[in-house]
Every structure is written in structure tokens, then in C-alpha cells.
Amino acid sequence: MKHPVDAHVGKRIRHRRWMVGMTQQQLADKVGIKFQQIQKYETGMNRVSASRLWDVADALGVSISFFFEGLGEGQSNPTYAHGDMMSDKEALELVRSYYAIPEAQRRRLFDLARVLSEAA
């Protein structure tokens, strides 16, 4: 049975990998392991050792603490700071695409989205 913390860390690895537009194979190559191991980490089936988590964090450009963000304090089941919305691939692709837009245009798109959401 997978531990809730291992599942949380795995989801955060997948989340960051999607955000930077990296495949499991690309991450595995950067870390020096097989992509199947990345799959096992992301599902929480295998625990990530401290040294491997260090390598993954370096490859994804984040600090190790990133993988533990959103864990509930003193709770047996992790809670997520942003709910499950950011674990949705479509939402992550939307955010990645949003930040690829030049800032001035992005601001106008943001204002449009706010107006549309208020009208809904």
C-alpha cells in the first residue's frame, strides 16, 4: 500500500514535469534512471530516496521543499493547497500556455477571463 506522502511527492513531481513541458523520458535521462522508475515515483508506488529527490529537484529547477508543499500539518492524509485542480493535466497545460504569452497580452487575457467568470 502506498504511503500518502509518497503519493503526494509523486504528484508534485508529475505536476512540475508537466509545467516545464518535460516528458518522463526526458526527466529520466536527466536524472540517470529509466522512465519506468519515474512512472513509479509519480504514482507513489516507489519511494524517492533523498539523493534521487535532490537530482529530480535539480532537473526540474525547484527546491526539494516544492515536493512537500500542500501536505497537511500533523495529518495522516495529505491535503493540497490548491485542491486537485492543479493535478489536472488540462489545467497545467492551460497555465503553461498562459505564461508563454507576452506579459501585456497575458494581462488582457487575465482581465477577459475575470470578466467572463464574473458573468457566469
N, C-alpha and C. Protein backbone atom coordinates (compact mmCIF):
# COMPACT_ATOMS: atom_id res chain seq x y z
N MET A 1 0.85 -1.18 0.00
CA MET A 1 0.00 0.00 0.00
C MET A 1 0.89 1.24 0.00
N LYS A 2 0.54 2.20 -0.85
CA LYS A 2 1.39 3.38 -0.91
C LYS A 2 1.09 4.33 0.24
N HIS A 3 2.15 4.96 0.70
CA HIS A 3 2.04 5.94 1.78
C HIS A 3 1.53 7.26 1.18
N PRO A 4 0.64 7.96 1.88
CA PRO A 4 0.11 9.23 1.35
C PRO A 4 1.19 10.26 1.01
N VAL A 5 2.27 10.29 1.77
CA VAL A 5 3.34 11.25 1.48
C VAL A 5 4.04 10.88 0.17
N ASP A 6 4.26 9.58 -0.06
CA ASP A 6 4.89 9.15 -1.31
C ASP A 6 4.00 9.51 -2.51
N ALA A 7 2.70 9.33 -2.35
CA ALA A 7 1.76 9.69 -3.42
C ALA A 7 1.78 11.19 -3.66
N HIS A 8 1.84 11.98 -2.60
CA HIS A 8 1.88 13.44 -2.73
C HIS A 8 3.15 13.89 -3.45
N VAL A 9 4.29 13.37 -3.03
CA VAL A 9 5.56 13.73 -3.66
C VAL A 9 5.51 13.34 -5.14
N GLY A 10 4.98 12.18 -5.45
CA GLY A 10 4.87 11.74 -6.84
C GLY A 10 3.99 12.66 -7.67
N LYS A 11 2.88 13.11 -7.10
CA LYS A 11 2.00 14.05 -7.81
C LYS A 11 2.71 15.37 -8.06
N ARG A 12 3.50 15.80 -7.09
CA ARG A 12 4.23 17.06 -7.25
C ARG A 12 5.32 16.93 -8.32
N ILE A 13 5.95 15.76 -8.40
CA ILE A 13 6.93 15.53 -9.47
C ILE A 13 6.23 15.62 -10.82
N ARG A 14 5.11 14.93 -10.96
CA ARG A 14 4.36 14.95 -12.22
C ARG A 14 3.89 16.37 -12.54
N HIS A 15 3.39 17.08 -11.54
CA HIS A 15 2.92 18.45 -11.70
C HIS A 15 4.03 19.34 -12.26
N ARG A 16 5.19 19.30 -11.65
CA ARG A 16 6.29 20.16 -12.10
C ARG A 16 6.78 19.74 -13.48
N ARG A 17 6.84 18.44 -13.72
CA ARG A 17 7.30 17.94 -15.02
C ARG A 17 6.38 18.45 -16.12
N TRP A 18 5.07 18.39 -15.89
CA TRP A 18 4.10 18.91 -16.87
C TRP A 18 4.27 20.42 -17.05
N MET A 19 4.48 21.14 -15.94
CA MET A 19 4.60 22.59 -16.00
C MET A 19 5.79 23.03 -16.86
N VAL A 20 6.86 22.28 -16.81
CA VAL A 20 8.03 22.66 -17.60
C VAL A 20 8.02 22.00 -18.98
N GLY A 21 6.99 21.19 -19.27
CA GLY A 21 6.86 20.58 -20.58
C GLY A 21 7.86 19.46 -20.84
N MET A 22 8.17 18.71 -19.81
CA MET A 22 9.16 17.64 -19.92
C MET A 22 8.46 16.28 -19.91
N THR A 23 8.95 15.35 -20.72
CA THR A 23 8.40 14.00 -20.72
C THR A 23 9.05 13.19 -19.60
N GLN A 24 8.44 12.04 -19.31
CA GLN A 24 9.04 11.15 -18.32
C GLN A 24 10.42 10.69 -18.79
N GLN A 25 10.56 10.45 -20.08
CA GLN A 25 11.84 10.01 -20.63
C GLN A 25 12.90 11.09 -20.47
N GLN A 26 12.54 12.33 -20.74
CA GLN A 26 13.50 13.43 -20.61
C GLN A 26 13.95 13.59 -19.16
N LEU A 27 13.01 13.49 -18.22
CA LEU A 27 13.36 13.60 -16.81
C LEU A 27 14.25 12.44 -16.41
N ALA A 28 13.90 11.24 -16.84
CA ALA A 28 14.69 10.07 -16.51
C ALA A 28 16.12 10.21 -17.04
N ASP A 29 16.26 10.70 -18.26
CA ASP A 29 17.59 10.90 -18.84
C ASP A 29 18.41 11.90 -18.02
N LYS A 30 17.77 12.98 -17.58
CA LYS A 30 18.48 13.99 -16.79
C LYS A 30 18.92 13.44 -15.43
N VAL A 31 18.10 12.54 -14.88
CA VAL A 31 18.38 12.00 -13.55
C VAL A 31 19.26 10.76 -13.63
N GLY A 32 19.30 10.12 -14.80
CA GLY A 32 20.13 8.93 -14.97
C GLY A 32 19.46 7.64 -14.58
N ILE A 33 18.13 7.57 -14.79
CA ILE A 33 17.38 6.35 -14.50
C ILE A 33 16.47 6.04 -15.68
N LYS A 34 15.73 4.94 -15.60
CA LYS A 34 14.80 4.57 -16.65
C LYS A 34 13.46 5.27 -16.43
N PHE A 35 12.74 5.54 -17.52
CA PHE A 35 11.48 6.27 -17.40
C PHE A 35 10.45 5.49 -16.58
N GLN A 36 10.57 4.16 -16.56
CA GLN A 36 9.62 3.37 -15.76
C GLN A 36 9.73 3.72 -14.27
N GLN A 37 10.95 4.06 -13.86
CA GLN A 37 11.13 4.44 -12.46
C GLN A 37 10.44 5.78 -12.18
N ILE A 38 10.50 6.69 -13.13
CA ILE A 38 9.78 7.97 -12.99
C ILE A 38 8.28 7.68 -12.85
N GLN A 39 7.77 6.77 -13.67
CA GLN A 39 6.34 6.39 -13.59
C GLN A 39 6.01 5.90 -12.18
N LYS A 40 6.86 5.06 -11.63
CA LYS A 40 6.61 4.53 -10.28
C LYS A 40 6.67 5.61 -9.22
N TYR A 41 7.60 6.56 -9.39
CA TYR A 41 7.66 7.68 -8.44
C TYR A 41 6.38 8.51 -8.53
N GLU A 42 5.95 8.80 -9.75
CA GLU A 42 4.78 9.67 -9.93
C GLU A 42 3.49 9.06 -9.41
N THR A 43 3.39 7.76 -9.42
CA THR A 43 2.19 7.11 -8.90
C THR A 43 2.29 6.84 -7.40
N GLY A 44 3.48 7.04 -6.84
CA GLY A 44 3.67 6.78 -5.42
C GLY A 44 3.92 5.32 -5.11
N MET A 45 4.09 4.50 -6.16
CA MET A 45 4.35 3.08 -5.94
C MET A 45 5.75 2.84 -5.39
N ASN A 46 6.70 3.67 -5.77
CA ASN A 46 8.06 3.60 -5.23
C ASN A 46 8.38 4.90 -4.52
N ARG A 47 9.06 4.79 -3.41
CA ARG A 47 9.51 5.97 -2.68
C ARG A 47 10.74 6.55 -3.37
N VAL A 48 10.86 7.85 -3.28
CA VAL A 48 12.01 8.54 -3.85
C VAL A 48 13.01 8.76 -2.73
N SER A 49 14.23 8.25 -2.91
CA SER A 49 15.26 8.45 -1.90
C SER A 49 15.64 9.93 -1.85
N ALA A 50 16.28 10.33 -0.77
CA ALA A 50 16.68 11.73 -0.60
C ALA A 50 17.61 12.18 -1.72
N SER A 51 18.60 11.35 -2.06
CA SER A 51 19.55 11.74 -3.10
C SER A 51 18.88 11.81 -4.46
N ARG A 52 17.95 10.90 -4.73
CA ARG A 52 17.24 10.93 -6.01
C ARG A 52 16.30 12.13 -6.07
N LEU A 53 15.65 12.46 -4.95
CA LEU A 53 14.78 13.64 -4.92
C LEU A 53 15.60 14.90 -5.17
N TRP A 54 16.81 14.93 -4.66
CA TRP A 54 17.72 16.05 -4.91
C TRP A 54 17.98 16.19 -6.41
N ASP A 55 18.25 15.06 -7.07
CA ASP A 55 18.51 15.05 -8.52
C ASP A 55 17.28 15.47 -9.31
N VAL A 56 16.10 14.99 -8.90
CA VAL A 56 14.85 15.34 -9.58
C VAL A 56 14.58 16.83 -9.42
N ALA A 57 14.76 17.34 -8.21
CA ALA A 57 14.55 18.77 -7.96
C ALA A 57 15.48 19.61 -8.84
N ASP A 58 16.73 19.21 -8.94
CA ASP A 58 17.69 19.93 -9.77
C ASP A 58 17.27 19.89 -11.24
N ALA A 59 16.85 18.72 -11.72
CA ALA A 59 16.44 18.57 -13.12
C ALA A 59 15.19 19.39 -13.44
N LEU A 60 14.31 19.55 -12.46
CA LEU A 60 13.06 20.29 -12.67
C LEU A 60 13.16 21.76 -12.25
N GLY A 61 14.30 22.16 -11.72
CA GLY A 61 14.51 23.56 -11.37
C GLY A 61 13.72 24.04 -10.17
N VAL A 62 13.56 23.20 -9.17
CA VAL A 62 12.85 23.59 -7.95
C VAL A 62 13.65 23.15 -6.73
N SER A 63 13.28 23.67 -5.58
CA SER A 63 13.91 23.21 -4.34
C SER A 63 13.19 21.94 -3.89
N ILE A 64 13.83 21.20 -3.04
CA ILE A 64 13.23 19.95 -2.55
C ILE A 64 11.92 20.23 -1.81
N SER A 65 11.83 21.36 -1.15
CA SER A 65 10.62 21.69 -0.39
C SER A 65 9.39 21.77 -1.30
N PHE A 66 9.58 22.05 -2.59
CA PHE A 66 8.46 22.10 -3.54
C PHE A 66 7.64 20.83 -3.49
N PHE A 67 8.28 19.69 -3.36
CA PHE A 67 7.59 18.40 -3.40
C PHE A 67 6.74 18.14 -2.16
N PHE A 68 6.97 18.91 -1.10
CA PHE A 68 6.22 18.72 0.13
C PHE A 68 5.18 19.81 0.37
N GLU A 69 5.14 20.80 -0.51
CA GLU A 69 4.14 21.86 -0.36
C GLU A 69 2.74 21.27 -0.43
N GLY A 70 1.87 21.75 0.44
CA GLY A 70 0.49 21.30 0.43
C GLY A 70 0.20 20.13 1.34
N LEU A 71 1.22 19.56 1.95
CA LEU A 71 0.97 18.48 2.90
C LEU A 71 0.35 19.07 4.15
N GLY A 72 -0.70 18.43 4.66
CA GLY A 72 -1.36 18.91 5.87
C GLY A 72 -0.47 18.74 7.08
N GLU A 73 -0.46 19.74 7.93
CA GLU A 73 0.33 19.69 9.15
C GLU A 73 -0.28 18.69 10.13
N GLY A 74 0.50 17.68 10.50
CA GLY A 74 0.07 16.71 11.50
C GLY A 74 -1.10 15.85 11.09
N GLN A 75 -1.37 15.73 9.81
CA GLN A 75 -2.49 14.92 9.35
C GLN A 75 -1.96 13.65 8.70
N SER A 76 -2.73 12.58 8.79
CA SER A 76 -2.29 11.34 8.17
C SER A 76 -2.56 11.34 6.67
N ASN A 77 -3.55 12.11 6.22
CA ASN A 77 -3.83 12.21 4.80
C ASN A 77 -3.45 13.60 4.31
N PRO A 78 -2.58 13.67 3.30
CA PRO A 78 -2.17 14.99 2.81
C PRO A 78 -3.35 15.78 2.27
N THR A 79 -3.29 17.08 2.47
CA THR A 79 -4.25 17.97 1.84
C THR A 79 -3.48 18.85 0.89
N TYR A 80 -4.14 19.32 -0.13
CA TYR A 80 -3.47 20.08 -1.15
C TYR A 80 -3.86 21.54 -1.05
N ALA A 81 -2.86 22.40 -1.19
CA ALA A 81 -3.09 23.84 -1.06
C ALA A 81 -4.05 24.34 -2.12
N HIS A 82 -4.02 23.76 -3.31
CA HIS A 82 -4.87 24.20 -4.41
C HIS A 82 -5.88 23.13 -4.81
N GLY A 83 -6.17 22.21 -3.93
CA GLY A 83 -7.09 21.13 -4.27
C GLY A 83 -6.50 20.26 -5.35
N ASP A 84 -7.35 19.52 -6.01
CA ASP A 84 -6.88 18.63 -7.07
C ASP A 84 -6.84 19.32 -8.43
N MET A 85 -7.25 20.59 -8.49
CA MET A 85 -7.30 21.29 -9.77
C MET A 85 -5.95 21.28 -10.48
N MET A 86 -4.87 21.52 -9.78
CA MET A 86 -3.57 21.59 -10.42
C MET A 86 -2.98 20.22 -10.71
N SER A 87 -3.65 19.15 -10.32
CA SER A 87 -3.19 17.83 -10.71
C SER A 87 -3.85 17.41 -12.03
N ASP A 88 -4.75 18.25 -12.54
CA ASP A 88 -5.43 18.01 -13.81
C ASP A 88 -4.51 18.45 -14.95
N LYS A 89 -4.26 17.55 -15.89
CA LYS A 89 -3.33 17.84 -16.99
C LYS A 89 -3.79 19.03 -17.83
N GLU A 90 -5.08 19.14 -18.06
CA GLU A 90 -5.60 20.25 -18.85
C GLU A 90 -5.33 21.59 -18.16
N ALA A 91 -5.52 21.64 -16.84
CA ALA A 91 -5.27 22.87 -16.10
C ALA A 91 -3.79 23.24 -16.15
N LEU A 92 -2.93 22.25 -16.05
CA LEU A 92 -1.50 22.52 -16.12
C LEU A 92 -1.09 23.01 -17.50
N GLU A 93 -1.66 22.43 -18.54
CA GLU A 93 -1.36 22.89 -19.90
C GLU A 93 -1.84 24.32 -20.10
N LEU A 94 -3.00 24.64 -19.54
CA LEU A 94 -3.53 26.00 -19.64
C LEU A 94 -2.59 27.00 -18.95
N VAL A 95 -2.13 26.67 -17.77
CA VAL A 95 -1.22 27.56 -17.04
C VAL A 95 0.09 27.71 -17.80
N ARG A 96 0.63 26.62 -18.31
CA ARG A 96 1.88 26.69 -19.07
C ARG A 96 1.71 27.58 -20.30
N SER A 97 0.61 27.40 -21.00
CA SER A 97 0.34 28.21 -22.20
C SER A 97 0.15 29.68 -21.83
N TYR A 98 -0.54 29.92 -20.73
CA TYR A 98 -0.78 31.28 -20.25
C TYR A 98 0.53 32.02 -20.04
N TYR A 99 1.49 31.37 -19.36
CA TYR A 99 2.75 32.04 -19.07
C TYR A 99 3.67 32.14 -20.29
N ALA A 100 3.33 31.46 -21.36
CA ALA A 100 4.10 31.58 -22.60
C ALA A 100 3.70 32.83 -23.39
N ILE A 101 2.57 33.43 -23.04
CA ILE A 101 2.07 34.63 -23.72
C ILE A 101 2.84 35.84 -23.20
N PRO A 102 3.20 36.80 -24.07
CA PRO A 102 3.88 38.02 -23.61
C PRO A 102 3.05 38.73 -22.53
N GLU A 103 3.73 39.38 -21.61
CA GLU A 103 3.08 39.92 -20.41
C GLU A 103 1.91 40.86 -20.70
N ALA A 104 2.06 41.77 -21.64
CA ALA A 104 0.96 42.72 -21.92
C ALA A 104 -0.28 42.00 -22.41
N GLN A 105 -0.10 41.05 -23.31
CA GLN A 105 -1.24 40.28 -23.81
C GLN A 105 -1.80 39.38 -22.73
N ARG A 106 -0.91 38.83 -21.90
CA ARG A 106 -1.35 37.95 -20.80
C ARG A 106 -2.25 38.72 -19.84
N ARG A 107 -1.90 39.96 -19.55
CA ARG A 107 -2.70 40.78 -18.63
C ARG A 107 -4.10 41.01 -19.20
N ARG A 108 -4.19 41.27 -20.51
CA ARG A 108 -5.50 41.46 -21.13
C ARG A 108 -6.31 40.17 -21.11
N LEU A 109 -5.64 39.05 -21.33
CA LEU A 109 -6.33 37.76 -21.28
C LEU A 109 -6.85 37.48 -19.87
N PHE A 110 -6.04 37.82 -18.88
CA PHE A 110 -6.44 37.65 -17.49
C PHE A 110 -7.67 38.49 -17.18
N ASP A 111 -7.68 39.74 -17.61
CA ASP A 111 -8.83 40.63 -17.39
C ASP A 111 -10.08 40.08 -18.07
N LEU A 112 -9.92 39.56 -19.29
CA LEU A 112 -11.05 38.96 -20.01
C LEU A 112 -11.58 37.74 -19.24
N ALA A 113 -10.69 36.90 -18.78
CA ALA A 113 -11.11 35.70 -18.03
C ALA A 113 -11.85 36.09 -16.75
N ARG A 114 -11.37 37.11 -16.07
CA ARG A 114 -12.04 37.57 -14.84
C ARG A 114 -13.45 38.05 -15.15
N VAL A 115 -13.62 38.85 -16.22
CA VAL A 115 -14.94 39.37 -16.59
C VAL A 115 -15.86 38.21 -16.96
N LEU A 116 -15.36 37.26 -17.72
CA LEU A 116 -16.19 36.12 -18.12
C LEU A 116 -16.60 35.27 -16.92
N SER A 117 -15.70 35.08 -15.97
CA SER A 117 -16.04 34.27 -14.80
C SER A 117 -17.05 34.97 -13.90
N GLU A 118 -16.98 36.29 -13.83
CA GLU A 118 -17.95 37.05 -13.04
C GLU A 118 -19.32 37.04 -13.70
N ALA A 119 -19.34 36.96 -15.03
CA ALA A 119 -20.62 36.94 -15.76
C ALA A 119 -21.28 35.56 -15.73
N ALA A 120 -20.50 34.55 -15.44
CA ALA A 120 -21.03 33.17 -15.47
C ALA A 120 -21.93 32.88 -14.29
